[in-house]
N, C-alpha and C. Protein backbone atom coordinates (compact mmCIF):
# COMPACT_ATOMS: atom_id res chain seq x y z
N UNK A 1 196.55 -145.07 86.72
CA UNK A 1 195.98 -145.58 85.50
C UNK A 1 194.48 -145.76 85.62
N UNK A 2 193.99 -146.27 86.75
CA UNK A 2 192.55 -146.49 86.89
C UNK A 2 191.79 -145.16 86.93
N UNK A 3 192.41 -144.10 87.44
CA UNK A 3 191.78 -142.78 87.43
C UNK A 3 191.61 -142.30 85.99
N UNK A 4 192.63 -142.49 85.16
CA UNK A 4 192.53 -142.12 83.75
C UNK A 4 191.44 -142.91 83.06
N UNK A 5 191.39 -144.21 83.33
CA UNK A 5 190.39 -145.06 82.70
C UNK A 5 188.99 -144.64 83.13
N UNK A 6 188.80 -144.33 84.42
CA UNK A 6 187.51 -143.88 84.92
C UNK A 6 187.08 -142.57 84.28
N UNK A 7 188.03 -141.64 84.13
CA UNK A 7 187.75 -140.36 83.49
C UNK A 7 187.37 -140.58 82.03
N UNK A 8 188.13 -141.41 81.34
CA UNK A 8 187.85 -141.69 79.94
C UNK A 8 186.48 -142.36 79.80
N UNK A 9 186.20 -143.33 80.65
CA UNK A 9 184.92 -144.01 80.62
C UNK A 9 183.77 -143.03 80.85
N UNK A 10 183.95 -142.13 81.78
CA UNK A 10 182.95 -141.12 82.09
C UNK A 10 182.74 -140.19 80.89
N UNK A 11 183.81 -139.77 80.26
CA UNK A 11 183.71 -138.90 79.08
C UNK A 11 183.02 -139.62 77.93
N UNK A 12 183.38 -140.86 77.74
CA UNK A 12 182.77 -141.64 76.65
C UNK A 12 181.29 -141.82 76.92
N UNK A 13 180.93 -142.10 78.16
CA UNK A 13 179.52 -142.26 78.51
C UNK A 13 178.73 -140.99 78.23
N UNK A 14 179.28 -139.84 78.61
CA UNK A 14 178.61 -138.56 78.33
C UNK A 14 178.47 -138.35 76.82
N UNK A 15 179.54 -138.64 76.11
CA UNK A 15 179.51 -138.47 74.66
C UNK A 15 178.46 -139.39 74.03
N UNK A 16 178.43 -140.65 74.46
CA UNK A 16 177.46 -141.60 73.91
C UNK A 16 176.03 -141.14 74.16
N UNK A 17 175.75 -140.66 75.36
CA UNK A 17 174.39 -140.19 75.67
C UNK A 17 174.00 -138.94 74.89
N UNK A 18 174.99 -138.18 74.47
CA UNK A 18 174.71 -136.93 73.75
C UNK A 18 174.48 -137.16 72.25
N UNK A 19 174.76 -138.36 71.75
CA UNK A 19 174.61 -138.62 70.32
C UNK A 19 173.13 -138.68 69.95
N UNK A 20 172.78 -138.12 68.79
CA UNK A 20 171.38 -138.18 68.37
C UNK A 20 170.95 -139.63 68.16
N UNK A 21 169.73 -139.92 68.51
CA UNK A 21 169.19 -141.26 68.34
C UNK A 21 167.84 -141.17 67.64
N UNK A 22 167.62 -142.07 66.74
CA UNK A 22 166.32 -142.17 66.08
C UNK A 22 165.86 -140.82 65.54
N UNK A 23 166.62 -140.31 64.62
CA UNK A 23 166.37 -138.97 64.11
C UNK A 23 165.25 -138.91 63.07
N UNK A 24 164.75 -140.05 62.64
CA UNK A 24 163.65 -140.06 61.69
C UNK A 24 162.34 -139.68 62.36
N UNK A 25 161.33 -139.49 61.57
CA UNK A 25 160.01 -139.13 62.10
C UNK A 25 159.08 -140.33 62.00
N UNK A 26 158.65 -140.83 63.13
CA UNK A 26 157.71 -141.95 63.15
C UNK A 26 156.28 -141.42 63.04
N UNK A 27 155.41 -142.25 62.52
CA UNK A 27 154.00 -141.89 62.47
C UNK A 27 153.47 -141.82 63.89
N UNK A 28 152.54 -140.89 64.15
CA UNK A 28 151.96 -140.85 65.50
C UNK A 28 151.16 -142.11 65.78
N UNK A 29 151.22 -142.56 67.02
CA UNK A 29 150.45 -143.73 67.43
C UNK A 29 149.15 -143.29 68.08
N UNK A 30 148.06 -143.93 67.69
CA UNK A 30 146.76 -143.69 68.31
C UNK A 30 146.31 -145.03 68.87
N UNK A 31 146.24 -145.11 70.18
CA UNK A 31 145.92 -146.38 70.84
C UNK A 31 144.67 -147.03 70.27
N UNK A 32 143.64 -146.25 70.02
CA UNK A 32 142.38 -146.79 69.51
C UNK A 32 142.53 -147.41 68.12
N UNK A 33 143.56 -147.00 67.38
CA UNK A 33 143.78 -147.53 66.03
C UNK A 33 144.62 -148.80 66.01
N UNK A 34 145.18 -149.21 67.16
CA UNK A 34 146.00 -150.42 67.17
C UNK A 34 145.11 -151.64 67.00
N UNK A 35 145.51 -152.55 66.10
CA UNK A 35 144.67 -153.73 65.88
C UNK A 35 144.74 -154.70 67.06
N UNK A 36 143.79 -155.61 67.12
CA UNK A 36 143.74 -156.58 68.20
C UNK A 36 144.70 -157.74 68.03
N UNK A 37 145.32 -157.86 66.85
CA UNK A 37 146.29 -158.93 66.64
C UNK A 37 147.57 -158.36 66.05
N UNK A 38 148.71 -158.99 66.35
CA UNK A 38 149.99 -158.44 65.90
C UNK A 38 150.25 -158.59 64.41
N UNK A 39 149.63 -159.56 63.75
CA UNK A 39 149.88 -159.75 62.32
C UNK A 39 149.45 -158.52 61.54
N UNK A 40 148.29 -157.96 61.88
CA UNK A 40 147.81 -156.76 61.20
C UNK A 40 148.77 -155.59 61.38
N UNK A 41 149.25 -155.39 62.61
CA UNK A 41 150.20 -154.30 62.86
C UNK A 41 151.51 -154.55 62.12
N UNK A 42 151.97 -155.79 62.14
CA UNK A 42 153.20 -156.14 61.44
C UNK A 42 153.09 -155.84 59.95
N UNK A 43 152.00 -156.28 59.33
CA UNK A 43 151.82 -156.05 57.89
C UNK A 43 151.79 -154.56 57.56
N UNK A 44 151.15 -153.78 58.43
CA UNK A 44 151.12 -152.33 58.23
C UNK A 44 152.52 -151.74 58.34
N UNK A 45 153.24 -152.10 59.42
CA UNK A 45 154.57 -151.52 59.64
C UNK A 45 155.58 -151.96 58.59
N UNK A 46 155.58 -153.23 58.20
CA UNK A 46 156.56 -153.68 57.22
C UNK A 46 156.25 -153.06 55.85
N UNK A 47 154.96 -152.89 55.55
CA UNK A 47 154.60 -152.23 54.30
C UNK A 47 155.07 -150.79 54.25
N UNK A 48 154.88 -150.08 55.36
CA UNK A 48 155.34 -148.69 55.42
C UNK A 48 156.86 -148.60 55.35
N UNK A 49 157.54 -149.52 56.01
CA UNK A 49 159.00 -149.52 55.99
C UNK A 49 159.52 -149.77 54.58
N UNK A 50 158.94 -150.72 53.88
CA UNK A 50 159.36 -151.02 52.51
C UNK A 50 159.08 -149.85 51.58
N UNK A 51 157.90 -149.24 51.71
CA UNK A 51 157.54 -148.10 50.87
C UNK A 51 158.47 -146.92 51.11
N UNK A 52 158.91 -146.75 52.35
CA UNK A 52 159.81 -145.64 52.69
C UNK A 52 161.25 -145.92 52.28
N UNK A 53 161.52 -147.12 51.77
CA UNK A 53 162.87 -147.44 51.34
C UNK A 53 163.78 -147.92 52.47
N UNK A 54 163.21 -148.33 53.58
CA UNK A 54 163.99 -148.84 54.69
C UNK A 54 164.76 -150.08 54.22
N UNK A 55 166.06 -150.11 54.44
CA UNK A 55 166.80 -151.30 54.01
C UNK A 55 166.43 -152.52 54.85
N UNK A 56 166.23 -153.62 54.20
CA UNK A 56 165.96 -154.91 54.82
C UNK A 56 164.84 -154.88 55.87
N UNK A 57 163.64 -154.46 55.50
CA UNK A 57 162.56 -154.40 56.49
C UNK A 57 162.12 -155.79 56.96
N UNK A 58 162.54 -156.82 56.28
CA UNK A 58 162.14 -158.19 56.63
C UNK A 58 163.12 -158.87 57.60
N UNK A 59 164.10 -158.13 58.09
CA UNK A 59 165.04 -158.67 59.06
C UNK A 59 164.54 -158.33 60.46
N UNK A 60 164.50 -159.32 61.34
CA UNK A 60 164.01 -159.13 62.70
C UNK A 60 165.05 -159.65 63.68
N UNK A 61 164.99 -159.14 64.90
CA UNK A 61 165.84 -159.65 65.96
C UNK A 61 165.03 -160.65 66.76
N UNK A 62 165.52 -161.87 66.83
CA UNK A 62 164.89 -162.92 67.61
C UNK A 62 165.69 -163.07 68.90
N UNK A 63 165.05 -162.87 70.03
CA UNK A 63 165.72 -162.98 71.32
C UNK A 63 165.09 -164.12 72.12
N UNK A 64 165.94 -164.95 72.70
CA UNK A 64 165.50 -166.06 73.54
C UNK A 64 166.37 -166.10 74.78
N UNK A 65 165.96 -166.91 75.75
CA UNK A 65 166.80 -167.15 76.93
C UNK A 65 166.94 -168.66 77.10
N UNK A 66 168.09 -169.06 77.65
CA UNK A 66 168.27 -170.49 77.90
C UNK A 66 167.73 -170.86 79.27
N UNK A 67 167.91 -172.11 79.67
CA UNK A 67 167.35 -172.58 80.94
C UNK A 67 167.95 -171.87 82.14
N UNK A 68 169.11 -171.24 81.97
CA UNK A 68 169.72 -170.47 83.06
C UNK A 68 169.34 -169.00 83.02
N UNK A 69 168.51 -168.62 82.06
CA UNK A 69 168.08 -167.24 81.95
C UNK A 69 169.04 -166.34 81.18
N UNK A 70 170.03 -166.94 80.52
CA UNK A 70 170.99 -166.14 79.75
C UNK A 70 170.37 -165.79 78.39
N UNK A 71 170.33 -164.49 78.07
CA UNK A 71 169.71 -164.09 76.81
C UNK A 71 170.62 -164.34 75.62
N UNK A 72 169.98 -164.53 74.49
CA UNK A 72 170.68 -164.68 73.22
C UNK A 72 169.81 -163.99 72.18
N UNK A 73 170.39 -163.12 71.40
CA UNK A 73 169.64 -162.42 70.36
C UNK A 73 170.40 -162.53 69.04
N UNK A 74 169.65 -162.71 67.97
CA UNK A 74 170.26 -162.79 66.67
C UNK A 74 169.29 -162.27 65.63
N UNK A 75 169.83 -161.80 64.52
CA UNK A 75 169.00 -161.29 63.43
C UNK A 75 168.60 -162.44 62.53
N UNK A 76 167.35 -162.42 62.12
CA UNK A 76 166.82 -163.46 61.25
C UNK A 76 166.05 -162.79 60.12
N UNK A 77 166.07 -163.44 58.97
CA UNK A 77 165.25 -162.98 57.86
C UNK A 77 163.90 -163.67 57.99
N UNK A 78 162.86 -162.88 58.05
CA UNK A 78 161.51 -163.41 58.20
C UNK A 78 161.06 -164.00 56.88
N UNK A 79 160.64 -165.24 56.91
CA UNK A 79 160.22 -165.95 55.69
C UNK A 79 158.71 -166.05 55.55
N UNK A 80 157.98 -165.80 56.62
CA UNK A 80 156.53 -165.89 56.51
C UNK A 80 155.85 -165.56 57.82
N UNK A 81 154.60 -165.14 57.70
CA UNK A 81 153.74 -164.87 58.85
C UNK A 81 152.30 -165.06 58.37
N UNK A 82 151.46 -165.61 59.22
CA UNK A 82 150.06 -165.77 58.87
C UNK A 82 149.21 -165.55 60.11
N UNK A 83 147.91 -165.86 60.00
CA UNK A 83 147.01 -165.58 61.12
C UNK A 83 147.37 -166.35 62.39
N UNK A 84 148.16 -167.41 62.27
CA UNK A 84 148.61 -168.14 63.45
C UNK A 84 149.80 -167.46 64.12
N UNK A 85 150.40 -166.51 63.43
CA UNK A 85 151.54 -165.78 64.00
C UNK A 85 152.85 -166.21 63.36
N UNK A 86 153.89 -166.14 64.15
CA UNK A 86 155.24 -166.45 63.69
C UNK A 86 155.60 -167.86 64.13
N UNK A 87 156.72 -168.33 63.66
CA UNK A 87 157.11 -169.72 63.92
C UNK A 87 157.79 -169.91 65.28
N UNK A 88 157.80 -168.88 66.13
CA UNK A 88 158.35 -169.03 67.47
C UNK A 88 157.32 -168.57 68.47
N UNK A 89 157.57 -168.99 69.79
CA UNK A 89 156.57 -168.77 70.84
C UNK A 89 156.26 -167.31 71.03
N UNK A 90 158.71 -166.12 73.03
CA UNK A 90 159.28 -165.01 73.74
C UNK A 90 158.57 -163.81 73.39
N UNK A 91 156.30 -164.17 72.60
CA UNK A 91 155.48 -163.00 72.36
C UNK A 91 156.02 -162.23 71.16
N UNK A 92 155.18 -161.26 70.59
CA UNK A 92 155.61 -160.41 69.49
C UNK A 92 155.69 -159.00 70.05
N UNK A 93 156.83 -158.37 69.87
CA UNK A 93 157.01 -157.03 70.41
C UNK A 93 157.40 -156.07 69.31
N UNK A 94 156.65 -155.00 69.21
CA UNK A 94 156.98 -153.91 68.30
C UNK A 94 157.57 -152.80 69.15
N UNK A 95 158.60 -152.18 68.66
CA UNK A 95 159.28 -151.14 69.41
C UNK A 95 159.35 -149.91 68.52
N UNK A 96 158.71 -148.84 68.96
CA UNK A 96 158.80 -147.58 68.22
C UNK A 96 159.64 -146.63 69.02
N UNK A 97 160.79 -146.30 68.47
CA UNK A 97 161.71 -145.40 69.15
C UNK A 97 161.28 -143.96 69.01
N UNK A 98 161.81 -143.15 69.90
CA UNK A 98 161.52 -141.72 69.91
C UNK A 98 162.82 -140.97 70.18
N UNK A 99 163.06 -139.87 69.47
CA UNK A 99 164.30 -139.13 69.70
C UNK A 99 164.47 -138.68 71.15
N UNK A 100 163.37 -138.49 71.88
CA UNK A 100 163.50 -138.09 73.28
C UNK A 100 163.67 -139.30 74.20
N UNK A 101 163.84 -140.47 73.58
CA UNK A 101 164.07 -141.74 74.27
C UNK A 101 162.89 -142.20 75.12
N UNK A 102 161.72 -141.65 74.86
CA UNK A 102 160.50 -142.10 75.51
C UNK A 102 159.87 -143.13 74.57
N UNK A 103 160.54 -144.27 74.45
CA UNK A 103 160.17 -145.29 73.48
C UNK A 103 158.87 -146.00 73.86
N UNK A 104 158.20 -146.51 72.85
CA UNK A 104 156.95 -147.23 73.06
C UNK A 104 157.14 -148.69 72.69
N UNK A 105 156.64 -149.57 73.54
CA UNK A 105 156.64 -151.01 73.25
C UNK A 105 155.19 -151.46 73.15
N UNK A 106 154.89 -152.16 72.05
CA UNK A 106 153.58 -152.75 71.86
C UNK A 106 153.81 -154.26 71.88
N UNK A 107 153.29 -154.90 72.91
CA UNK A 107 153.55 -156.32 73.12
C UNK A 107 152.26 -157.12 72.98
N UNK A 108 152.30 -158.13 72.12
CA UNK A 108 151.19 -159.06 71.96
C UNK A 108 151.64 -160.41 72.52
N UNK A 109 150.78 -161.01 73.34
CA UNK A 109 151.08 -162.34 73.87
C UNK A 109 149.90 -163.25 73.58
N UNK A 110 150.21 -164.47 73.16
CA UNK A 110 149.18 -165.45 72.81
C UNK A 110 148.50 -165.96 74.08
N UNK A 111 147.18 -165.97 74.07
CA UNK A 111 146.40 -166.52 75.18
C UNK A 111 145.44 -167.55 74.60
N UNK A 112 144.74 -168.26 75.44
CA UNK A 112 143.75 -169.24 74.97
C UNK A 112 142.65 -168.56 74.16
N UNK A 113 142.38 -167.29 74.48
CA UNK A 113 141.30 -166.56 73.81
C UNK A 113 141.78 -165.79 72.57
N UNK A 114 143.06 -165.83 72.26
CA UNK A 114 143.59 -165.07 71.12
C UNK A 114 144.84 -164.33 71.52
N UNK A 115 144.86 -163.03 71.27
CA UNK A 115 146.03 -162.20 71.57
C UNK A 115 145.69 -161.19 72.66
N UNK A 116 146.59 -161.03 73.62
CA UNK A 116 146.48 -159.96 74.62
C UNK A 116 147.51 -158.91 74.24
N UNK A 117 147.15 -157.64 74.36
CA UNK A 117 148.05 -156.56 73.96
C UNK A 117 148.31 -155.63 75.14
N UNK A 118 149.58 -155.25 75.32
CA UNK A 118 149.93 -154.21 76.28
C UNK A 118 150.79 -153.18 75.57
N UNK A 119 150.65 -151.95 75.98
CA UNK A 119 151.42 -150.85 75.40
C UNK A 119 152.10 -150.13 76.54
N UNK A 120 153.43 -150.04 76.49
CA UNK A 120 154.17 -149.36 77.56
C UNK A 120 155.29 -148.54 76.97
N UNK A 121 155.70 -147.47 77.56
CA UNK A 121 155.05 -146.74 78.64
C UNK A 121 154.09 -145.69 78.13
N UNK A 122 153.88 -145.68 76.84
CA UNK A 122 153.09 -144.65 76.18
C UNK A 122 151.68 -144.55 76.73
N UNK A 123 151.21 -143.34 76.91
CA UNK A 123 149.89 -143.12 77.48
C UNK A 123 148.94 -142.39 76.51
N UNK A 124 149.35 -142.26 75.26
CA UNK A 124 148.54 -141.53 74.28
C UNK A 124 147.27 -142.19 73.89
């Protein structure tokens, strides 16, 4: 029985990896065009998503960890954002997927001097 389960698991894994992902076309990213603060990027991206007819562009995934390091993620409807940022601390992360799975993460973290930005793994 465990051999059958292992074979089935292996087949399912291959099948899952073969499924198309993120088949839409994202706008090209130009590092020099990224703003210094996440609110500007957010307003640009949510505006483009709404204009393109993306369903529920105002829904975000909020992920936190507890004192033991156990993650918890849930979807939330965003009610507001301003120059101070969002109503929670775990940084602001934008994730742009790519069909070739070479995804880009744009991470803004609050510092005493404002916002620090890192972009990984994209090198464009």
